[in-house]
Amino acid sequence: MQLVVYLKNQTIKSPIYADDSDTKATMMAVKNEVIEHCSPFRRYIEINLNDWGVTIKASELVALEVQ
Protein backbone atom coordinates (compact mmCIF):
# COMPACT_ATOMS: atom_id res chain seq x y z
CA MET A 1 0.00 0.00 0.00
CA GLN A 2 1.07 3.55 -0.60
CA LEU A 3 -0.24 7.04 0.03
CA VAL A 4 -1.70 8.68 -3.08
CA VAL A 5 -2.43 12.41 -3.32
CA TYR A 6 -4.84 13.42 -6.07
CA LEU A 7 -4.55 17.03 -7.19
CA LYS A 8 -6.55 18.85 -9.87
CA ASN A 9 -3.88 18.35 -12.54
CA GLN A 10 -1.55 15.76 -11.03
CA THR A 11 -1.35 12.56 -9.01
CA ILE A 12 1.47 12.11 -6.50
CA LYS A 13 2.30 8.67 -5.15
CA SER A 14 4.54 8.32 -2.14
CA PRO A 15 7.72 6.33 -2.76
CA ILE A 16 7.13 4.62 0.58
CA TYR A 17 5.19 1.36 0.51
CA ALA A 18 3.46 -0.09 3.54
CA ASP A 19 4.78 -3.60 3.84
CA ASP A 20 4.04 -3.93 7.55
CA SER A 21 1.20 -2.98 9.85
CA ASP A 22 3.13 -0.13 11.50
CA THR A 23 3.78 1.69 8.22
CA LYS A 24 0.18 1.13 7.11
CA ALA A 25 -1.09 2.56 10.41
CA THR A 26 1.20 5.58 9.98
CA MET A 27 -0.13 6.18 6.46
CA MET A 28 -3.72 5.99 7.66
CA ALA A 29 -2.95 8.39 10.52
CA VAL A 30 -1.31 10.88 8.15
CA LYS A 31 -4.29 10.66 5.79
CA ASN A 32 -6.80 11.19 8.59
CA GLU A 33 -4.82 14.08 10.06
CA VAL A 34 -4.68 15.89 6.72
CA ILE A 35 -8.41 15.40 6.18
CA GLU A 36 -9.28 16.56 9.70
CA HIS A 37 -7.14 19.70 9.54
CA CYS A 38 -7.90 20.68 5.96
CA SER A 39 -9.82 23.93 5.86
CA PRO A 40 -10.54 26.63 3.27
CA PHE A 41 -8.40 29.04 5.31
CA ARG A 42 -5.17 27.10 4.79
CA ARG A 43 -3.15 27.94 1.72
CA TYR A 44 -0.77 24.99 1.83
CA ILE A 45 -0.90 21.48 3.23
CA GLU A 46 2.28 19.74 4.27
CA ILE A 47 2.27 15.94 4.19
CA ASN A 48 5.15 14.14 5.90
CA LEU A 49 5.57 10.39 5.90
CA ASN A 50 8.80 9.04 7.37
CA ASP A 51 11.60 10.51 5.21
CA TRP A 52 9.27 11.68 2.43
CA GLY A 53 7.34 14.92 2.38
CA VAL A 54 5.39 17.10 0.01
CA THR A 55 3.77 20.54 0.28
CA ILE A 56 0.71 21.18 -1.86
CA LYS A 57 -1.72 24.04 -2.38
CA ALA A 58 -4.86 23.33 -0.37
CA SER A 59 -7.06 24.51 -3.24
CA GLU A 60 -5.51 21.87 -5.54
CA LEU A 61 -6.26 18.86 -3.32
CA VAL A 62 -8.99 16.62 -4.71
CA ALA A 63 -8.54 13.41 -2.70
CA LEU A 64 -6.10 11.57 -0.48
CA GLU A 65 -6.13 7.81 -0.09
CA VAL A 66 -4.10 4.79 0.90
CA GLN A 67 -4.24 2.12 -1.79
PDB file of N, CA and C in Angstrom:
ATOM      1  N   MET A   1       0.835  -1.178   0.000  1.00  0.00           N
ATOM      2  CA  MET A   1       0.000   0.000   0.000  1.00  0.00           C
ATOM      3  C   MET A   1       0.882   1.244   0.000  1.00  0.00           C
ATOM      4  N   GLN A   2       0.349   2.286  -0.610  1.00  0.00           N
ATOM      5  CA  GLN A   2       1.065   3.548  -0.600  1.00  0.00           C
ATOM      6  C   GLN A   2       0.082   4.690  -0.515  1.00  0.00           C
ATOM      7  N   LEU A   3       0.575   5.844  -0.094  1.00  0.00           N
ATOM      8  CA  LEU A   3      -0.237   7.038   0.027  1.00  0.00           C
ATOM      9  C   LEU A   3      -0.298   7.724  -1.336  1.00  0.00           C
ATOM     10  N   VAL A   4      -1.512   8.042  -1.785  1.00  0.00           N
ATOM     11  CA  VAL A   4      -1.700   8.680  -3.082  1.00  0.00           C
ATOM     12  C   VAL A   4      -2.433  10.004  -2.872  1.00  0.00           C
ATOM     13  N   VAL A   5      -1.859  11.065  -3.426  1.00  0.00           N
ATOM     14  CA  VAL A   5      -2.431  12.407  -3.323  1.00  0.00           C
ATOM     15  C   VAL A   5      -2.942  12.793  -4.709  1.00  0.00           C
ATOM     16  N   TYR A   6      -4.240  13.012  -4.807  1.00  0.00           N
ATOM     17  CA  TYR A   6      -4.838  13.422  -6.070  1.00  0.00           C
ATOM     18  C   TYR A   6      -5.038  14.931  -6.058  1.00  0.00           C
ATOM     19  N   LEU A   7      -4.401  15.588  -7.024  1.00  0.00           N
ATOM     20  CA  LEU A   7      -4.552  17.030  -7.194  1.00  0.00           C
ATOM     21  C   LEU A   7      -5.369  17.288  -8.458  1.00  0.00           C
ATOM     22  N   LYS A   8      -5.742  18.527  -8.696  1.00  0.00           N
ATOM     23  CA  LYS A   8      -6.553  18.849  -9.865  1.00  0.00           C
ATOM     24  C   LYS A   8      -5.878  18.429 -11.170  1.00  0.00           C
ATOM     25  N   ASN A   9      -4.579  18.634 -11.280  1.00  0.00           N
ATOM     26  CA  ASN A   9      -3.878  18.346 -12.540  1.00  0.00           C
ATOM     27  C   ASN A   9      -2.754  17.326 -12.399  1.00  0.00           C
ATOM     28  N   GLN A  10      -2.702  16.623 -11.273  1.00  0.00           N
ATOM     29  CA  GLN A  10      -1.553  15.759 -11.029  1.00  0.00           C
ATOM     30  C   GLN A  10      -1.905  14.725  -9.957  1.00  0.00           C
ATOM     31  N   THR A  11      -1.244  13.584 -10.040  1.00  0.00           N
ATOM     32  CA  THR A  11      -1.353  12.560  -9.010  1.00  0.00           C
ATOM     33  C   THR A  11       0.042  12.304  -8.461  1.00  0.00           C
ATOM     34  N   ILE A  12       0.178  12.334  -7.136  1.00  0.00           N
ATOM     35  CA  ILE A  12       1.475  12.111  -6.499  1.00  0.00           C
ATOM     36  C   ILE A  12       1.369  10.843  -5.656  1.00  0.00           C
ATOM     37  N   LYS A  13       2.262   9.899  -5.927  1.00  0.00           N
ATOM     38  CA  LYS A  13       2.302   8.666  -5.146  1.00  0.00           C
ATOM     39  C   LYS A  13       3.549   8.677  -4.285  1.00  0.00           C
ATOM     40  N   SER A  14       3.382   8.341  -3.029  1.00  0.00           N
ATOM     41  CA  SER A  14       4.544   8.319  -2.138  1.00  0.00           C
ATOM     42  C   SER A  14       5.474   7.181  -2.547  1.00  0.00           C
ATOM     43  N   PRO A  15       6.769   7.393  -2.442  1.00  0.00           N
ATOM     44  CA  PRO A  15       7.719   6.330  -2.762  1.00  0.00           C
ATOM     45  C   PRO A  15       7.821   5.297  -1.639  1.00  0.00           C
ATOM     46  N   ILE A  16       7.076   5.512  -0.575  1.00  0.00           N
ATOM     47  CA  ILE A  16       7.125   4.617   0.579  1.00  0.00           C
ATOM     48  C   ILE A  16       5.943   3.660   0.507  1.00  0.00           C
ATOM     49  N   TYR A  17       6.229   2.377   0.541  1.00  0.00           N
ATOM     50  CA  TYR A  17       5.188   1.363   0.508  1.00  0.00           C
ATOM     51  C   TYR A  17       5.006   0.779   1.897  1.00  0.00           C
ATOM     52  N   ALA A  18       3.763   0.518   2.242  1.00  0.00           N
ATOM     53  CA  ALA A  18       3.461  -0.094   3.540  1.00  0.00           C
ATOM     54  C   ALA A  18       3.553  -1.603   3.392  1.00  0.00           C
ATOM     55  N   ASP A  19       4.622  -2.151   3.904  1.00  0.00           N
ATOM     56  CA  ASP A  19       4.785  -3.604   3.844  1.00  0.00           C
ATOM     57  C   ASP A  19       4.615  -4.233   5.227  1.00  0.00           C
ATOM     58  N   ASP A  20       4.309  -3.410   6.210  1.00  0.00           N
ATOM     59  CA  ASP A  20       4.036  -3.934   7.546  1.00  0.00           C
ATOM     60  C   ASP A  20       2.904  -3.125   8.173  1.00  0.00           C
ATOM     61  N   SER A  21       2.368  -3.629   9.239  1.00  0.00           N
ATOM     62  CA  SER A  21       1.200  -2.981   9.847  1.00  0.00           C
ATOM     63  C   SER A  21       1.531  -1.620  10.447  1.00  0.00           C
ATOM     64  N   ASP A  22       2.763  -1.424  10.927  1.00  0.00           N
ATOM     65  CA  ASP A  22       3.133  -0.132  11.505  1.00  0.00           C
ATOM     66  C   ASP A  22       3.145   0.969  10.451  1.00  0.00           C
ATOM     67  N   THR A  23       3.723   0.687   9.295  1.00  0.00           N
ATOM     68  CA  THR A  23       3.780   1.686   8.223  1.00  0.00           C
ATOM     69  C   THR A  23       2.378   1.975   7.686  1.00  0.00           C
ATOM     70  N   LYS A  24       1.557   0.935   7.565  1.00  0.00           N
ATOM     71  CA  LYS A  24       0.180   1.128   7.106  1.00  0.00           C
ATOM     72  C   LYS A  24      -0.593   1.999   8.098  1.00  0.00           C
ATOM     73  N   ALA A  25      -0.423   1.750   9.378  1.00  0.00           N
ATOM     74  CA  ALA A  25      -1.091   2.559  10.405  1.00  0.00           C
ATOM     75  C   ALA A  25      -0.630   4.006  10.342  1.00  0.00           C
ATOM     76  N   THR A  26       0.665   4.223  10.100  1.00  0.00           N
ATOM     77  CA  THR A  26       1.201   5.584   9.981  1.00  0.00           C
ATOM     78  C   THR A  26       0.582   6.294   8.784  1.00  0.00           C
ATOM     79  N   MET A  27       0.473   5.588   7.651  1.00  0.00           N
ATOM     80  CA  MET A  27      -0.134   6.184   6.456  1.00  0.00           C
ATOM     81  C   MET A  27      -1.588   6.567   6.711  1.00  0.00           C
ATOM     82  N   MET A  28      -2.317   5.702   7.361  1.00  0.00           N
ATOM     83  CA  MET A  28      -3.723   5.986   7.660  1.00  0.00           C
ATOM     84  C   MET A  28      -3.837   7.181   8.612  1.00  0.00           C
ATOM     85  N   ALA A  29      -2.941   7.265   9.580  1.00  0.00           N
ATOM     86  CA  ALA A  29      -2.950   8.385  10.523  1.00  0.00           C
ATOM     87  C   ALA A  29      -2.636   9.702   9.814  1.00  0.00           C
ATOM     88  N   VAL A  30      -1.663   9.679   8.914  1.00  0.00           N
ATOM     89  CA  VAL A  30      -1.314  10.882   8.148  1.00  0.00           C
ATOM     90  C   VAL A  30      -2.508  11.311   7.301  1.00  0.00           C
ATOM     91  N   LYS A  31      -3.120  10.363   6.616  1.00  0.00           N
ATOM     92  CA  LYS A  31      -4.290  10.661   5.787  1.00  0.00           C
ATOM     93  C   LYS A  31      -5.403  11.284   6.626  1.00  0.00           C
ATOM     94  N   ASN A  32      -5.722  10.677   7.745  1.00  0.00           N
ATOM     95  CA  ASN A  32      -6.796  11.188   8.593  1.00  0.00           C
ATOM     96  C   ASN A  32      -6.483  12.560   9.162  1.00  0.00           C
ATOM     97  N   GLU A  33      -5.219  12.782   9.519  1.00  0.00           N
ATOM     98  CA  GLU A  33      -4.820  14.082  10.063  1.00  0.00           C
ATOM     99  C   GLU A  33      -4.960  15.180   9.012  1.00  0.00           C
ATOM    100  N   VAL A  34      -4.556  14.895   7.788  1.00  0.00           N
ATOM    101  CA  VAL A  34      -4.680  15.894   6.717  1.00  0.00           C
ATOM    102  C   VAL A  34      -6.148  16.213   6.474  1.00  0.00           C
ATOM    103  N   ILE A  35      -6.983  15.189   6.419  1.00  0.00           N
ATOM    104  CA  ILE A  35      -8.413  15.403   6.178  1.00  0.00           C
ATOM    105  C   ILE A  35      -9.048  16.191   7.315  1.00  0.00           C
ATOM    106  N   GLU A  36      -8.703  15.877   8.551  1.00  0.00           N
ATOM    107  CA  GLU A  36      -9.284  16.562   9.701  1.00  0.00           C
ATOM    108  C   GLU A  36      -8.880  18.032   9.774  1.00  0.00           C
ATOM    109  N   HIS A  37      -7.640  18.335   9.391  1.00  0.00           N
ATOM    110  CA  HIS A  37      -7.138  19.699   9.542  1.00  0.00           C
ATOM    111  C   HIS A  37      -7.207  20.516   8.259  1.00  0.00           C
ATOM    112  N   CYS A  38      -7.774  19.951   7.216  1.00  0.00           N
ATOM    113  CA  CYS A  38      -7.899  20.676   5.955  1.00  0.00           C
ATOM    114  C   CYS A  38      -9.055  21.668   6.077  1.00  0.00           C
ATOM    115  N   SER A  39      -8.783  22.909   5.795  1.00  0.00           N
ATOM    116  CA  SER A  39      -9.823  23.929   5.861  1.00  0.00           C
ATOM    117  C   SER A  39      -9.621  24.913   4.717  1.00  0.00           C
ATOM    118  N   PRO A  40     -10.664  25.654   4.362  1.00  0.00           N
ATOM    119  CA  PRO A  40     -10.538  26.630   3.272  1.00  0.00           C
ATOM    120  C   PRO A  40      -9.629  27.802   3.620  1.00  0.00           C
ATOM    121  N   PHE A  41      -9.256  27.921   4.881  1.00  0.00           N
ATOM    122  CA  PHE A  41      -8.403  29.037   5.308  1.00  0.00           C
ATOM    123  C   PHE A  41      -6.922  28.730   5.199  1.00  0.00           C
ATOM    124  N   ARG A  42      -6.580  27.473   4.934  1.00  0.00           N
ATOM    125  CA  ARG A  42      -5.168  27.104   4.785  1.00  0.00           C
ATOM    126  C   ARG A  42      -4.769  27.208   3.329  1.00  0.00           C
ATOM    127  N   ARG A  43      -3.628  27.808   3.099  1.00  0.00           N
ATOM    128  CA  ARG A  43      -3.152  27.942   1.717  1.00  0.00           C
ATOM    129  C   ARG A  43      -2.388  26.703   1.275  1.00  0.00           C
ATOM    130  N   TYR A  44      -1.599  26.149   2.177  1.00  0.00           N
ATOM    131  CA  TYR A  44      -0.772  24.995   1.832  1.00  0.00           C
ATOM    132  C   TYR A  44      -0.980  23.879   2.848  1.00  0.00           C
ATOM    133  N   ILE A  45      -0.824  22.662   2.379  1.00  0.00           N
ATOM    134  CA  ILE A  45      -0.903  21.480   3.231  1.00  0.00           C
ATOM    135  C   ILE A  45       0.427  20.757   3.118  1.00  0.00           C
ATOM    136  N   GLU A  46       1.011  20.464   4.244  1.00  0.00           N
ATOM    137  CA  GLU A  46       2.281  19.745   4.273  1.00  0.00           C
ATOM    138  C   GLU A  46       2.012  18.308   4.703  1.00  0.00           C
ATOM    139  N   ILE A  47       2.449  17.361   3.892  1.00  0.00           N
ATOM    140  CA  ILE A  47       2.272  15.938   4.189  1.00  0.00           C
ATOM    141  C   ILE A  47       3.653  15.342   4.404  1.00  0.00           C
ATOM    142  N   ASN A  48       3.871  14.770   5.575  1.00  0.00           N
ATOM    143  CA  ASN A  48       5.155  14.143   5.896  1.00  0.00           C
ATOM    144  C   ASN A  48       4.925  12.698   6.277  1.00  0.00           C
ATOM    145  N   LEU A  49       5.670  11.821   5.637  1.00  0.00           N
ATOM    146  CA  LEU A  49       5.575  10.394   5.900  1.00  0.00           C
ATOM    147  C   LEU A  49       6.983   9.828   5.944  1.00  0.00           C
ATOM    148  N   ASN A  50       7.425   9.517   7.155  1.00  0.00           N
ATOM    149  CA  ASN A  50       8.801   9.038   7.374  1.00  0.00           C
ATOM    150  C   ASN A  50       9.799  10.030   6.785  1.00  0.00           C
ATOM    151  N   ASP A  51      10.594   9.629   5.799  1.00  0.00           N
ATOM    152  CA  ASP A  51      11.602  10.511   5.208  1.00  0.00           C
ATOM    153  C   ASP A  51      11.107  11.229   3.959  1.00  0.00           C
ATOM    154  N   TRP A  52       9.844  11.078   3.620  1.00  0.00           N
ATOM    155  CA  TRP A  52       9.267  11.675   2.427  1.00  0.00           C
ATOM    156  C   TRP A  52       8.277  12.761   2.827  1.00  0.00           C
ATOM    157  N   GLY A  53       8.279  13.848   2.102  1.00  0.00           N
ATOM    158  CA  GLY A  53       7.343  14.922   2.384  1.00  0.00           C
ATOM    159  C   GLY A  53       7.000  15.690   1.122  1.00  0.00           C
ATOM    160  N   VAL A  54       5.826  16.299   1.142  1.00  0.00           N
ATOM    161  CA  VAL A  54       5.386  17.100   0.013  1.00  0.00           C
ATOM    162  C   VAL A  54       4.510  18.232   0.560  1.00  0.00           C
ATOM    163  N   THR A  55       4.617  19.401  -0.062  1.00  0.00           N
ATOM    164  CA  THR A  55       3.765  20.538   0.278  1.00  0.00           C
ATOM    165  C   THR A  55       2.934  20.856  -0.946  1.00  0.00           C
ATOM    166  N   ILE A  56       1.615  20.936  -0.743  1.00  0.00           N
ATOM    167  CA  ILE A  56       0.708  21.181  -1.861  1.00  0.00           C
ATOM    168  C   ILE A  56      -0.193  22.367  -1.540  1.00  0.00           C
ATOM    169  N   LYS A  57      -0.742  22.969  -2.576  1.00  0.00           N
ATOM    170  CA  LYS A  57      -1.721  24.036  -2.379  1.00  0.00           C
ATOM    171  C   LYS A  57      -3.032  23.386  -1.946  1.00  0.00           C
ATOM    172  N   ALA A  58      -3.617  23.896  -0.899  1.00  0.00           N
ATOM    173  CA  ALA A  58      -4.861  23.329  -0.375  1.00  0.00           C
ATOM    174  C   ALA A  58      -5.976  23.360  -1.423  1.00  0.00           C
ATOM    175  N   SER A  59      -6.003  24.385  -2.231  1.00  0.00           N
ATOM    176  CA  SER A  59      -7.059  24.508  -3.243  1.00  0.00           C
ATOM    177  C   SER A  59      -6.923  23.483  -4.371  1.00  0.00           C
ATOM    178  N   GLU A  60      -5.754  22.854  -4.498  1.00  0.00           N
ATOM    179  CA  GLU A  60      -5.511  21.869  -5.543  1.00  0.00           C
ATOM    180  C   GLU A  60      -5.867  20.445  -5.118  1.00  0.00           C
ATOM    181  N   LEU A  61      -6.008  20.210  -3.823  1.00  0.00           N
ATOM    182  CA  LEU A  61      -6.264  18.865  -3.318  1.00  0.00           C
ATOM    183  C   LEU A  61      -7.662  18.391  -3.689  1.00  0.00           C
ATOM    184  N   VAL A  62      -7.722  17.221  -4.333  1.00  0.00           N
ATOM    185  CA  VAL A  62      -8.991  16.619  -4.710  1.00  0.00           C
ATOM    186  C   VAL A  62      -9.309  15.457  -3.770  1.00  0.00           C
ATOM    187  N   ALA A  63      -8.324  14.577  -3.567  1.00  0.00           N
ATOM    188  CA  ALA A  63      -8.536  13.411  -2.696  1.00  0.00           C
ATOM    189  C   ALA A  63      -7.195  12.916  -2.174  1.00  0.00           C
ATOM    190  N   LEU A  64      -7.286  12.162  -1.108  1.00  0.00           N
ATOM    191  CA  LEU A  64      -6.100  11.567  -0.481  1.00  0.00           C
ATOM    192  C   LEU A  64      -6.507  10.173  -0.035  1.00  0.00           C
ATOM    193  N   GLU A  65      -5.764   9.167  -0.478  1.00  0.00           N
ATOM    194  CA  GLU A  65      -6.128   7.813  -0.088  1.00  0.00           C
ATOM    195  C   GLU A  65      -4.905   6.918   0.067  1.00  0.00           C
ATOM    196  N   VAL A  66      -5.121   5.836   0.770  1.00  0.00           N
ATOM    197  CA  VAL A  66      -4.102   4.793   0.902  1.00  0.00           C
ATOM    198  C   VAL A  66      -4.603   3.627   0.068  1.00  0.00           C
ATOM    199  N   GLN A  67      -3.832   3.228  -0.923  1.00  0.00           N
ATOM    200  CA  GLN A  67      -4.243   2.120  -1.794  1.00  0.00           C
ATOM    201  C   GLN A  67      -3.143   1.113  -1.993  1.00  0.00           C
TER     202      GLN A  67
END
